[in-house]
Amino acid sequence: MARDPFLENAIMDVLWNSDEPMTPGMVRDALPPERSVRYTTVMTILTRLWNKGRLERDKAGRAYSYRPAATRSEHAAEKMEEILDAAGDRSVALARFTEHLSASERRRLKEYLDES
């Protein structure tokens, strides 16, 4: 089966939106209708995400239940760090990024930086 980052993202969205760990069947049932996939496909993607360290799992009967290893915000921050590392000149990348922030977002970022 080919890697499907869109399906991985859809599954992560389902798990981030849940207050409880979910089995593969629960995840499959919670996916948007346009993401109709087989149970085994969901199970494969969940296992891959667990192997990558993005999910934690516990035994739930004969299956496993899964939950995100990090919050959506923590994951986004990790991705931003990876992108900055790949940019070469982090200062230039950060400057270009802040050009696209709204005035209120820049203000909040400045407040955060002043606090830390």
PDB file of N, CA and C in Angstrom:
ATOM      1  N   MET A   1       0.839  -1.184   0.000  1.00  0.00           N
ATOM      2  CA  MET A   1       0.000   0.000   0.000  1.00  0.00           C
ATOM      3  C   MET A   1       0.881   1.242   0.000  1.00  0.00           C
ATOM      4  N   ALA A   2       0.594   2.194  -0.855  1.00  0.00           N
ATOM      5  CA  ALA A   2       1.386   3.419  -0.932  1.00  0.00           C
ATOM      6  C   ALA A   2       1.111   4.295   0.283  1.00  0.00           C
ATOM      7  N   ARG A   3       2.105   5.086   0.624  1.00  0.00           N
ATOM      8  CA  ARG A   3       1.969   6.013   1.743  1.00  0.00           C
ATOM      9  C   ARG A   3       0.970   7.103   1.362  1.00  0.00           C
ATOM     10  N   ASP A   4       0.028   7.403   2.238  1.00  0.00           N
ATOM     11  CA  ASP A   4      -1.002   8.405   1.978  1.00  0.00           C
ATOM     12  C   ASP A   4      -0.968   9.455   3.089  1.00  0.00           C
ATOM     13  N   PRO A   5      -0.201  10.551   2.882  1.00  0.00           N
ATOM     14  CA  PRO A   5      -0.118  11.562   3.943  1.00  0.00           C
ATOM     15  C   PRO A   5      -1.458  12.227   4.224  1.00  0.00           C
ATOM     16  N   PHE A   6      -2.335  12.289   3.224  1.00  0.00           N
ATOM     17  CA  PHE A   6      -3.646  12.890   3.456  1.00  0.00           C
ATOM     18  C   PHE A   6      -4.481  12.023   4.390  1.00  0.00           C
ATOM     19  N   LEU A   7      -4.388  10.706   4.225  1.00  0.00           N
ATOM     20  CA  LEU A   7      -5.099   9.797   5.124  1.00  0.00           C
ATOM     21  C   LEU A   7      -4.477   9.838   6.517  1.00  0.00           C
ATOM     22  N   GLU A   8      -3.147   9.901   6.594  1.00  0.00           N
ATOM     23  CA  GLU A   8      -2.491  10.044   7.902  1.00  0.00           C
ATOM     24  C   GLU A   8      -3.000  11.296   8.608  1.00  0.00           C
ATOM     25  N   ASN A   9      -3.074  12.404   7.881  1.00  0.00           N
ATOM     26  CA  ASN A   9      -3.547  13.657   8.476  1.00  0.00           C
ATOM     27  C   ASN A   9      -5.002  13.563   8.903  1.00  0.00           C
ATOM     28  N   ALA A  10      -5.828  12.923   8.080  1.00  0.00           N
ATOM     29  CA  ALA A  10      -7.240  12.768   8.431  1.00  0.00           C
ATOM     30  C   ALA A  10      -7.388  11.919   9.693  1.00  0.00           C
ATOM     31  N   ILE A  11      -6.588  10.871   9.799  1.00  0.00           N
ATOM     32  CA  ILE A  11      -6.638  10.015  10.993  1.00  0.00           C
ATOM     33  C   ILE A  11      -6.145  10.784  12.215  1.00  0.00           C
ATOM     34  N   MET A  12      -5.077  11.549  12.061  1.00  0.00           N
ATOM     35  CA  MET A  12      -4.603  12.354  13.192  1.00  0.00           C
ATOM     36  C   MET A  12      -5.669  13.368  13.614  1.00  0.00           C
ATOM     37  N   ASP A  13      -6.367  13.980  12.653  1.00  0.00           N
ATOM     38  CA  ASP A  13      -7.438  14.919  12.995  1.00  0.00           C
ATOM     39  C   ASP A  13      -8.523  14.232  13.814  1.00  0.00           C
ATOM     40  N   VAL A  14      -8.907  13.030  13.414  1.00  0.00           N
ATOM     41  CA  VAL A  14      -9.923  12.277  14.160  1.00  0.00           C
ATOM     42  C   VAL A  14      -9.450  12.054  15.596  1.00  0.00           C
ATOM     43  N   LEU A  15      -8.203  11.625  15.758  1.00  0.00           N
ATOM     44  CA  LEU A  15      -7.683  11.343  17.096  1.00  0.00           C
ATOM     45  C   LEU A  15      -7.523  12.617  17.923  1.00  0.00           C
ATOM     46  N   TRP A  16      -7.059  13.704  17.313  1.00  0.00           N
ATOM     47  CA  TRP A  16      -6.928  14.963  18.048  1.00  0.00           C
ATOM     48  C   TRP A  16      -8.290  15.501  18.483  1.00  0.00           C
ATOM     49  N   ASN A  17      -9.329  15.208  17.710  1.00  0.00           N
ATOM     50  CA  ASN A  17     -10.667  15.699  18.047  1.00  0.00           C
ATOM     51  C   ASN A  17     -11.397  14.818  19.051  1.00  0.00           C
ATOM     52  N   SER A  18     -10.795  13.704  19.416  1.00  0.00           N
ATOM     53  CA  SER A  18     -11.420  12.785  20.360  1.00  0.00           C
ATOM     54  C   SER A  18     -10.855  12.997  21.768  1.00  0.00           C
ATOM     55  N   ASP A  19     -11.718  12.890  22.744  1.00  0.00           N
ATOM     56  CA  ASP A  19     -11.283  12.989  24.140  1.00  0.00           C
ATOM     57  C   ASP A  19     -10.789  11.649  24.675  1.00  0.00           C
ATOM     58  N   GLU A  20     -11.057  10.583  23.945  1.00  0.00           N
ATOM     59  CA  GLU A  20     -10.722   9.237  24.398  1.00  0.00           C
ATOM     60  C   GLU A  20      -9.882   8.516  23.350  1.00  0.00           C
ATOM     61  N   PRO A  21      -9.067   7.531  23.770  1.00  0.00           N
ATOM     62  CA  PRO A  21      -8.373   6.691  22.796  1.00  0.00           C
ATOM     63  C   PRO A  21      -9.395   5.986  21.902  1.00  0.00           C
ATOM     64  N   MET A  22      -8.994   5.678  20.683  1.00  0.00           N
ATOM     65  CA  MET A  22      -9.916   5.089  19.711  1.00  0.00           C
ATOM     66  C   MET A  22      -9.316   3.836  19.082  1.00  0.00           C
ATOM     67  N   THR A  23     -10.172   2.843  18.855  1.00  0.00           N
ATOM     68  CA  THR A  23      -9.760   1.636  18.140  1.00  0.00           C
ATOM     69  C   THR A  23      -9.785   1.936  16.636  1.00  0.00           C
ATOM     70  N   PRO A  24      -9.160   1.069  15.829  1.00  0.00           N
ATOM     71  CA  PRO A  24      -9.196   1.288  14.378  1.00  0.00           C
ATOM     72  C   PRO A  24     -10.627   1.399  13.826  1.00  0.00           C
ATOM     73  N   GLY A  25     -11.530   0.593  14.328  1.00  0.00           N
ATOM     74  CA  GLY A  25     -12.918   0.664  13.872  1.00  0.00           C
ATOM     75  C   GLY A  25     -13.560   2.002  14.194  1.00  0.00           C
ATOM     76  N   MET A  26     -13.295   2.508  15.389  1.00  0.00           N
ATOM     77  CA  MET A  26     -13.835   3.810  15.780  1.00  0.00           C
ATOM     78  C   MET A  26     -13.263   4.916  14.893  1.00  0.00           C
ATOM     79  N   VAL A  27     -11.959   4.830  14.617  1.00  0.00           N
ATOM     80  CA  VAL A  27     -11.322   5.828  13.763  1.00  0.00           C
ATOM     81  C   VAL A  27     -11.947   5.772  12.374  1.00  0.00           C
ATOM     82  N   ARG A  28     -12.075   4.577  11.820  1.00  0.00           N
ATOM     83  CA  ARG A  28     -12.661   4.418  10.479  1.00  0.00           C
ATOM     84  C   ARG A  28     -14.058   5.021  10.431  1.00  0.00           C
ATOM     85  N   ASP A  29     -14.865   4.756  11.432  1.00  0.00           N
ATOM     86  CA  ASP A  29     -16.237   5.276  11.462  1.00  0.00           C
ATOM     87  C   ASP A  29     -16.280   6.795  11.593  1.00  0.00           C
ATOM     88  N   ALA A  30     -15.235   7.396  12.187  1.00  0.00           N
ATOM     89  CA  ALA A  30     -15.208   8.836  12.410  1.00  0.00           C
ATOM     90  C   ALA A  30     -14.595   9.611  11.244  1.00  0.00           C
ATOM     91  N   LEU A  31     -13.990   8.911  10.299  1.00  0.00           N
ATOM     92  CA  LEU A  31     -13.411   9.594   9.140  1.00  0.00           C
ATOM     93  C   LEU A  31     -14.511  10.225   8.300  1.00  0.00           C
ATOM     94  N   PRO A  32     -14.208  11.347   7.651  1.00  0.00           N
ATOM     95  CA  PRO A  32     -15.210  11.965   6.770  1.00  0.00           C
ATOM     96  C   PRO A  32     -15.632  10.992   5.664  1.00  0.00           C
ATOM     97  N   PRO A  33     -16.858  11.085   5.201  1.00  0.00           N
ATOM     98  CA  PRO A  33     -17.361  10.142   4.185  1.00  0.00           C
ATOM     99  C   PRO A  33     -16.487  10.067   2.927  1.00  0.00           C
ATOM    100  N   GLU A  34     -15.886  11.177   2.533  1.00  0.00           N
ATOM    101  CA  GLU A  34     -15.034  11.160   1.332  1.00  0.00           C
ATOM    102  C   GLU A  34     -13.733  10.388   1.560  1.00  0.00           C
ATOM    103  N   ARG A  35     -13.437  10.016   2.803  1.00  0.00           N
ATOM    104  CA  ARG A  35     -12.233   9.234   3.127  1.00  0.00           C
ATOM    105  C   ARG A  35     -12.613   7.786   3.399  1.00  0.00           C
ATOM    106  N   SER A  36     -13.566   7.246   2.685  1.00  0.00           N
ATOM    107  CA  SER A  36     -14.014   5.869   2.878  1.00  0.00           C
ATOM    108  C   SER A  36     -12.864   4.900   2.607  1.00  0.00           C
ATOM    109  N   VAL A  37     -12.453   4.196   3.651  1.00  0.00           N
ATOM    110  CA  VAL A  37     -11.335   3.249   3.541  1.00  0.00           C
ATOM    111  C   VAL A  37     -11.678   1.972   4.301  1.00  0.00           C
ATOM    112  N   ARG A  38     -10.940   0.927   3.988  1.00  0.00           N
ATOM    113  CA  ARG A  38     -11.141  -0.344   4.669  1.00  0.00           C
ATOM    114  C   ARG A  38     -10.529  -0.308   6.070  1.00  0.00           C
ATOM    115  N   TYR A  39     -11.066  -1.156   6.930  1.00  0.00           N
ATOM    116  CA  TYR A  39     -10.573  -1.297   8.302  1.00  0.00           C
ATOM    117  C   TYR A  39      -9.081  -1.593   8.306  1.00  0.00           C
ATOM    118  N   THR A  40      -8.647  -2.505   7.439  1.00  0.00           N
ATOM    119  CA  THR A  40      -7.234  -2.901   7.429  1.00  0.00           C
ATOM    120  C   THR A  40      -6.331  -1.746   7.023  1.00  0.00           C
ATOM    121  N   THR A  41      -6.824  -0.861   6.159  1.00  0.00           N
ATOM    122  CA  THR A  41      -6.045   0.316   5.765  1.00  0.00           C
ATOM    123  C   THR A  41      -5.868   1.247   6.953  1.00  0.00           C
ATOM    124  N   VAL A  42      -6.953   1.474   7.691  1.00  0.00           N
ATOM    125  CA  VAL A  42      -6.864   2.327   8.891  1.00  0.00           C
ATOM    126  C   VAL A  42      -5.906   1.697   9.894  1.00  0.00           C
ATOM    127  N   MET A  43      -6.010   0.394  10.078  1.00  0.00           N
ATOM    128  CA  MET A  43      -5.125  -0.301  11.017  1.00  0.00           C
ATOM    129  C   MET A  43      -3.658  -0.143  10.586  1.00  0.00           C
ATOM    130  N   THR A  44      -3.382  -0.251   9.302  1.00  0.00           N
ATOM    131  CA  THR A  44      -2.018  -0.091   8.791  1.00  0.00           C
ATOM    132  C   THR A  44      -1.496   1.318   9.055  1.00  0.00           C
ATOM    133  N   ILE A  45      -2.317   2.322   8.768  1.00  0.00           N
ATOM    134  CA  ILE A  45      -1.905   3.713   8.979  1.00  0.00           C
ATOM    135  C   ILE A  45      -1.675   3.979  10.464  1.00  0.00           C
ATOM    136  N   LEU A  46      -2.556   3.477  11.316  1.00  0.00           N
ATOM    137  CA  LEU A  46      -2.379   3.655  12.764  1.00  0.00           C
ATOM    138  C   LEU A  46      -1.069   3.018  13.228  1.00  0.00           C
ATOM    139  N   THR A  47      -0.769   1.836  12.734  1.00  0.00           N
ATOM    140  CA  THR A  47       0.477   1.166  13.105  1.00  0.00           C
ATOM    141  C   THR A  47       1.681   1.971  12.635  1.00  0.00           C
ATOM    142  N   ARG A  48       1.615   2.499  11.425  1.00  0.00           N
ATOM    143  CA  ARG A  48       2.713   3.331  10.918  1.00  0.00           C
ATOM    144  C   ARG A  48       2.908   4.582  11.776  1.00  0.00           C
ATOM    145  N   LEU A  49       1.808   5.232  12.130  1.00  0.00           N
ATOM    146  CA  LEU A  49       1.895   6.434  12.966  1.00  0.00           C
ATOM    147  C   LEU A  49       2.451   6.086  14.347  1.00  0.00           C
ATOM    148  N   TRP A  50       2.074   4.928  14.875  1.00  0.00           N
ATOM    149  CA  TRP A  50       2.606   4.476  16.165  1.00  0.00           C
ATOM    150  C   TRP A  50       4.106   4.203  16.041  1.00  0.00           C
ATOM    151  N   ASN A  51       4.522   3.554  14.954  1.00  0.00           N
ATOM    152  CA  ASN A  51       5.950   3.281  14.734  1.00  0.00           C
ATOM    153  C   ASN A  51       6.766   4.569  14.590  1.00  0.00           C
ATOM    154  N   LYS A  52       6.153   5.609  14.066  1.00  0.00           N
ATOM    155  CA  LYS A  52       6.822   6.905  13.924  1.00  0.00           C
ATOM    156  C   LYS A  52       6.864   7.681  15.246  1.00  0.00           C
ATOM    157  N   GLY A  53       6.165   7.172  16.256  1.00  0.00           N
ATOM    158  CA  GLY A  53       6.125   7.856  17.549  1.00  0.00           C
ATOM    159  C   GLY A  53       5.053   8.919  17.650  1.00  0.00           C
ATOM    160  N   ARG A  54       4.172   8.986  16.678  1.00  0.00           N
ATOM    161  CA  ARG A  54       3.123  10.004  16.697  1.00  0.00           C
ATOM    162  C   ARG A  54       1.905   9.577  17.506  1.00  0.00           C
ATOM    163  N   LEU A  55       1.802   8.263  17.784  1.00  0.00           N
ATOM    164  CA  LEU A  55       0.679   7.741  18.561  1.00  0.00           C
ATOM    165  C   LEU A  55       1.174   6.887  19.709  1.00  0.00           C
ATOM    166  N   GLU A  56       0.338   6.803  20.725  1.00  0.00           N
ATOM    167  CA  GLU A  56       0.530   5.849  21.811  1.00  0.00           C
ATOM    168  C   GLU A  56      -0.624   4.859  21.689  1.00  0.00           C
ATOM    169  N   ARG A  57      -0.416   3.630  22.174  1.00  0.00           N
ATOM    170  CA  ARG A  57      -1.489   2.653  22.072  1.00  0.00           C
ATOM    171  C   ARG A  57      -1.524   1.758  23.295  1.00  0.00           C
ATOM    172  N   ASP A  58      -2.718   1.255  23.559  1.00  0.00           N
ATOM    173  CA  ASP A  58      -2.959   0.317  24.647  1.00  0.00           C
ATOM    174  C   ASP A  58      -3.834  -0.800  24.112  1.00  0.00           C
ATOM    175  N   LYS A  59      -3.705  -1.977  24.712  1.00  0.00           N
ATOM    176  CA  LYS A  59      -4.529  -3.111  24.324  1.00  0.00           C
ATOM    177  C   LYS A  59      -5.974  -2.811  24.705  1.00  0.00           C
ATOM    178  N   ALA A  60      -6.894  -3.046  23.771  1.00  0.00           N
ATOM    179  CA  ALA A  60      -8.327  -2.852  24.013  1.00  0.00           C
ATOM    180  C   ALA A  60      -9.042  -4.081  23.472  1.00  0.00           C
ATOM    181  N   GLY A  61      -9.125  -5.113  24.298  1.00  0.00           N
ATOM    182  CA  GLY A  61      -9.689  -6.375  23.827  1.00  0.00           C
ATOM    183  C   GLY A  61      -8.709  -7.026  22.868  1.00  0.00           C
ATOM    184  N   ARG A  62      -9.185  -7.362  21.667  1.00  0.00           N
ATOM    185  CA  ARG A  62      -8.317  -7.979  20.666  1.00  0.00           C
ATOM    186  C   ARG A  62      -7.596  -6.937  19.821  1.00  0.00           C
ATOM    187  N   ALA A  63      -7.980  -5.701  19.934  1.00  0.00           N
ATOM    188  CA  ALA A  63      -7.382  -4.626  19.141  1.00  0.00           C
ATOM    189  C   ALA A  63      -6.560  -3.720  20.046  1.00  0.00           C
ATOM    190  N   TYR A  64      -6.073  -2.653  19.490  1.00  0.00           N
ATOM    191  CA  TYR A  64      -5.412  -1.601  20.257  1.00  0.00           C
ATOM    192  C   TYR A  64      -6.273  -0.347  20.179  1.00  0.00           C
ATOM    193  N   SER A  65      -6.165   0.483  21.199  1.00  0.00           N
ATOM    194  CA  SER A  65      -6.755   1.818  21.118  1.00  0.00           C
ATOM    195  C   SER A  65      -5.598   2.800  21.024  1.00  0.00           C
ATOM    196  N   TYR A  66      -5.794   3.838  20.247  1.00  0.00           N
ATOM    197  CA  TYR A  66      -4.733   4.794  19.931  1.00  0.00           C
ATOM    198  C   TYR A  66      -5.107   6.196  20.395  1.00  0.00           C
ATOM    199  N   ARG A  67      -4.076   6.948  20.751  1.00  0.00           N
ATOM    200  CA  ARG A  67      -4.240   8.355  21.115  1.00  0.00           C
ATOM    201  C   ARG A  67      -2.975   9.091  20.658  1.00  0.00           C
ATOM    202  N   PRO A  68      -3.105  10.371  20.357  1.00  0.00           N
ATOM    203  CA  PRO A  68      -1.927  11.121  19.908  1.00  0.00           C
ATOM    204  C   PRO A  68      -0.867  11.195  20.997  1.00  0.00           C
ATOM    205  N   ALA A  69       0.388  11.116  20.595  1.00  0.00           N
ATOM    206  CA  ALA A  69       1.501  11.240  21.539  1.00  0.00           C
ATOM    207  C   ALA A  69       1.760  12.705  21.876  1.00  0.00           C
ATOM    208  N   ALA A  70       1.284  13.615  21.034  1.00  0.00           N
ATOM    209  CA  ALA A  70       1.460  15.051  21.253  1.00  0.00           C
ATOM    210  C   ALA A  70       0.176  15.754  20.825  1.00  0.00           C
ATOM    211  N   THR A  71      -0.044  16.923  21.380  1.00  0.00           N
ATOM    212  CA  THR A  71      -1.204  17.706  20.967  1.00  0.00           C
ATOM    213  C   THR A  71      -0.983  18.216  19.547  1.00  0.00           C
ATOM    214  N   ARG A  72      -2.039  18.700  18.951  1.00  0.00           N
ATOM    215  CA  ARG A  72      -1.956  19.278  17.610  1.00  0.00           C
ATOM    216  C   ARG A  72      -0.951  20.433  17.594  1.00  0.00           C
ATOM    217  N   SER A  73      -0.983  21.281  18.618  1.00  0.00           N
ATOM    218  CA  SER A  73      -0.059  22.420  18.699  1.00  0.00           C
ATOM    219  C   SER A  73       1.382  21.971  18.869  1.00  0.00           C
ATOM    220  N   GLU A  74       1.594  20.974  19.706  1.00  0.00           N
ATOM    221  CA  GLU A  74       2.954  20.450  19.888  1.00  0.00           C
ATOM    222  C   GLU A  74       3.483  19.857  18.586  1.00  0.00           C
ATOM    223  N   HIS A  75       2.621  19.153  17.865  1.00  0.00           N
ATOM    224  CA  HIS A  75       3.033  18.572  16.586  1.00  0.00           C
ATOM    225  C   HIS A  75       3.371  19.664  15.574  1.00  0.00           C
ATOM    226  N   ALA A  76       2.546  20.708  15.533  1.00  0.00           N
ATOM    227  CA  ALA A  76       2.807  21.821  14.612  1.00  0.00           C
ATOM    228  C   ALA A  76       4.141  22.481  14.941  1.00  0.00           C
ATOM    229  N   ALA A  77       4.428  22.649  16.235  1.00  0.00           N
ATOM    230  CA  ALA A  77       5.704  23.249  16.640  1.00  0.00           C
ATOM    231  C   ALA A  77       6.881  22.377  16.214  1.00  0.00           C
ATOM    232  N   GLU A  78       6.739  21.060  16.334  1.00  0.00           N
ATOM    233  CA  GLU A  78       7.799  20.144  15.885  1.00  0.00           C
ATOM    234  C   GLU A  78       8.029  20.273  14.387  1.00  0.00           C
ATOM    235  N   LYS A  79       6.941  20.365  13.611  1.00  0.00           N
ATOM    236  CA  LYS A  79       7.053  20.516  12.159  1.00  0.00           C
ATOM    237  C   LYS A  79       7.719  21.850  11.806  1.00  0.00           C
ATOM    238  N   MET A  80       7.368  22.901  12.534  1.00  0.00           N
ATOM    239  CA  MET A  80       7.989  24.205  12.289  1.00  0.00           C
ATOM    240  C   MET A  80       9.491  24.147  12.546  1.00  0.00           C
ATOM    241  N   GLU A  81       9.875  23.435  13.582  1.00  0.00           N
ATOM    242  CA  GLU A  81      11.298  23.271  13.904  1.00  0.00           C
ATOM    243  C   GLU A  81      12.018  22.533  12.780  1.00  0.00           C
ATOM    244  N   GLU A  82      11.388  21.478  12.260  1.00  0.00           N
ATOM    245  CA  GLU A  82      11.978  20.736  11.144  1.00  0.00           C
ATOM    246  C   GLU A  82      12.150  21.631   9.913  1.00  0.00           C
ATOM    247  N   ILE A  83      11.151  22.442   9.645  1.00  0.00           N
ATOM    248  CA  ILE A  83      11.208  23.333   8.489  1.00  0.00           C
ATOM    249  C   ILE A  83      12.300  24.380   8.672  1.00  0.00           C
ATOM    250  N   LEU A  84      12.406  24.924   9.872  1.00  0.00           N
ATOM    251  CA  LEU A  84      13.472  25.904  10.134  1.00  0.00           C
ATOM    252  C   LEU A  84      14.852  25.275   9.979  1.00  0.00           C
ATOM    253  N   ASP A  85      15.004  24.038  10.451  1.00  0.00           N
ATOM    254  CA  ASP A  85      16.282  23.337  10.291  1.00  0.00           C
ATOM    255  C   ASP A  85      16.626  23.158   8.818  1.00  0.00           C
ATOM    256  N   ALA A  86      15.615  22.874   8.004  1.00  0.00           N
ATOM    257  CA  ALA A  86      15.842  22.644   6.579  1.00  0.00           C
ATOM    258  C   ALA A  86      16.080  23.943   5.810  1.00  0.00           C
ATOM    259  N   ALA A  87      15.691  25.060   6.389  1.00  0.00           N
ATOM    260  CA  ALA A  87      15.773  26.346   5.687  1.00  0.00           C
ATOM    261  C   ALA A  87      17.206  26.837   5.505  1.00  0.00           C
ATOM    262  N   GLY A  88      18.111  26.353   6.323  1.00  0.00           N
ATOM    263  CA  GLY A  88      19.491  26.848   6.246  1.00  0.00           C
ATOM    264  C   GLY A  88      19.661  28.058   7.137  1.00  0.00           C
ATOM    265  N   ASP A  89      19.205  29.193   6.681  1.00  0.00           N
ATOM    266  CA  ASP A  89      19.294  30.429   7.469  1.00  0.00           C
ATOM    267  C   ASP A  89      17.970  30.635   8.197  1.00  0.00           C
ATOM    268  N   ARG A  90      17.953  30.224   9.455  1.00  0.00           N
ATOM    269  CA  ARG A  90      16.728  30.295  10.245  1.00  0.00           C
ATOM    270  C   ARG A  90      16.204  31.714  10.376  1.00  0.00           C
ATOM    271  N   SER A  91      17.102  32.690  10.502  1.00  0.00           N
ATOM    272  CA  SER A  91      16.680  34.082  10.665  1.00  0.00           C
ATOM    273  C   SER A  91      15.899  34.578   9.458  1.00  0.00           C
ATOM    274  N   VAL A  92      16.367  34.251   8.277  1.00  0.00           N
ATOM    275  CA  VAL A  92      15.676  34.669   7.058  1.00  0.00           C
ATOM    276  C   VAL A  92      14.315  33.984   6.969  1.00  0.00           C
ATOM    277  N   ALA A  93      14.280  32.687   7.265  1.00  0.00           N
ATOM    278  CA  ALA A  93      13.012  31.955   7.222  1.00  0.00           C
ATOM    279  C   ALA A  93      12.020  32.535   8.225  1.00  0.00           C
ATOM    280  N   LEU A  94      12.481  32.841   9.425  1.00  0.00           N
ATOM    281  CA  LEU A  94      11.594  33.431  10.434  1.00  0.00           C
ATOM    282  C   LEU A  94      11.100  34.805  10.003  1.00  0.00           C
ATOM    283  N   ALA A  95      11.974  35.596   9.415  1.00  0.00           N
ATOM    284  CA  ALA A  95      11.583  36.926   8.948  1.00  0.00           C
ATOM    285  C   ALA A  95      10.504  36.810   7.868  1.00  0.00           C
ATOM    286  N   ARG A  96      10.702  35.897   6.930  1.00  0.00           N
ATOM    287  CA  ARG A  96       9.713  35.709   5.862  1.00  0.00           C
ATOM    288  C   ARG A  96       8.394  35.209   6.442  1.00  0.00           C
ATOM    289  N   PHE A  97       8.476  34.332   7.439  1.00  0.00           N
ATOM    290  CA  PHE A  97       7.267  33.810   8.079  1.00  0.00           C
ATOM    291  C   PHE A  97       6.479  34.928   8.746  1.00  0.00           C
ATOM    292  N   THR A  98       7.168  35.778   9.488  1.00  0.00           N
ATOM    293  CA  THR A  98       6.461  36.831  10.219  1.00  0.00           C
ATOM    294  C   THR A  98       5.838  37.864   9.286  1.00  0.00           C
ATOM    295  N   GLU A  99       6.348  37.981   8.057  1.00  0.00           N
ATOM    296  CA  GLU A  99       5.741  38.903   7.082  1.00  0.00           C
ATOM    297  C   GLU A  99       4.297  38.507   6.776  1.00  0.00           C
ATOM    298  N   HIS A 100       3.967  37.245   6.945  1.00  0.00           N
ATOM    299  CA  HIS A 100       2.635  36.748   6.608  1.00  0.00           C
ATOM    300  C   HIS A 100       1.697  36.682   7.812  1.00  0.00           C
ATOM    301  N   LEU A 101       2.170  37.093   8.974  1.00  0.00           N
ATOM    302  CA  LEU A 101       1.321  37.103  10.162  1.00  0.00           C
ATOM    303  C   LEU A 101       0.465  38.367  10.180  1.00  0.00           C
ATOM    304  N   SER A 102      -0.707  38.258  10.755  1.00  0.00           N
ATOM    305  CA  SER A 102      -1.551  39.434  10.936  1.00  0.00           C
ATOM    306  C   SER A 102      -0.936  40.302  12.032  1.00  0.00           C
ATOM    307  N   ALA A 103      -1.408  41.525  12.140  1.00  0.00           N
ATOM    308  CA  ALA A 103      -0.905  42.437  13.166  1.00  0.00           C
ATOM    309  C   ALA A 103      -1.129  41.858  14.563  1.00  0.00           C
ATOM    310  N   SER A 104      -2.280  41.249  14.783  1.00  0.00           N
ATOM    311  CA  SER A 104      -2.554  40.691  16.115  1.00  0.00           C
ATOM    312  C   SER A 104      -1.662  39.473  16.390  1.00  0.00           C
ATOM    313  N   GLU A 105      -1.384  38.675  15.365  1.00  0.00           N
ATOM    314  CA  GLU A 105      -0.484  37.536  15.549  1.00  0.00           C
ATOM    315  C   GLU A 105       0.937  38.002  15.834  1.00  0.00           C
ATOM    316  N   ARG A 106       1.391  39.040  15.141  1.00  0.00           N
ATOM    317  CA  ARG A 106       2.737  39.589  15.412  1.00  0.00           C
ATOM    318  C   ARG A 106       2.811  40.156  16.824  1.00  0.00           C
ATOM    319  N   ARG A 107       1.738  40.822  17.241  1.00  0.00           N
ATOM    320  CA  ARG A 107       1.696  41.388  18.600  1.00  0.00           C
ATOM    321  C   ARG A 107       1.783  40.270  19.636  1.00  0.00           C
ATOM    322  N   ARG A 108       1.016  39.201  19.440  1.00  0.00           N
ATOM    323  CA  ARG A 108       1.033  38.079  20.384  1.00  0.00           C
ATOM    324  C   ARG A 108       2.394  37.394  20.390  1.00  0.00           C
ATOM    325  N   LEU A 109       3.008  37.265  19.230  1.00  0.00           N
ATOM    326  CA  LEU A 109       4.349  36.662  19.143  1.00  0.00           C
ATOM    327  C   LEU A 109       5.349  37.521  19.903  1.00  0.00           C
ATOM    328  N   LYS A 110       5.271  38.829  19.730  1.00  0.00           N
ATOM    329  CA  LYS A 110       6.178  39.736  20.457  1.00  0.00           C
ATOM    330  C   LYS A 110       5.957  39.616  21.961  1.00  0.00           C
ATOM    331  N   GLU A 111       4.717  39.549  22.405  1.00  0.00           N
ATOM    332  CA  GLU A 111       4.424  39.375  23.824  1.00  0.00           C
ATOM    333  C   GLU A 111       5.035  38.082  24.349  1.00  0.00           C
ATOM    334  N   TYR A 112       4.860  37.021  23.584  1.00  0.00           N
ATOM    335  CA  TYR A 112       5.406  35.734  23.992  1.00  0.00           C
ATOM    336  C   TYR A 112       6.926  35.791  24.095  1.00  0.00           C
ATOM    337  N   LEU A 113       7.581  36.395  23.111  1.00  0.00           N
ATOM    338  CA  LEU A 113       9.039  36.495  23.125  1.00  0.00           C
ATOM    339  C   LEU A 113       9.534  37.361  24.281  1.00  0.00           C
ATOM    340  N   ASP A 114       8.789  38.426  24.583  1.00  0.00           N
ATOM    341  CA  ASP A 114       9.168  39.281  25.716  1.00  0.00           C
ATOM    342  C   ASP A 114       9.030  38.565  27.051  1.00  0.00           C
ATOM    343  N   GLU A 115       8.069  37.614  27.121  1.00  0.00           N
ATOM    344  CA  GLU A 115       7.858  36.852  28.358  1.00  0.00           C
ATOM    345  C   GLU A 115       8.912  35.776  28.572  1.00  0.00           C
ATOM    346  N   SER A 116       9.467  35.256  27.483  1.00  0.00           N
ATOM    347  CA  SER A 116      10.403  34.127  27.627  1.00  0.00           C
ATOM    348  C   SER A 116      11.844  34.547  27.718  1.00  0.00           C
TER     349      SER A 116
END
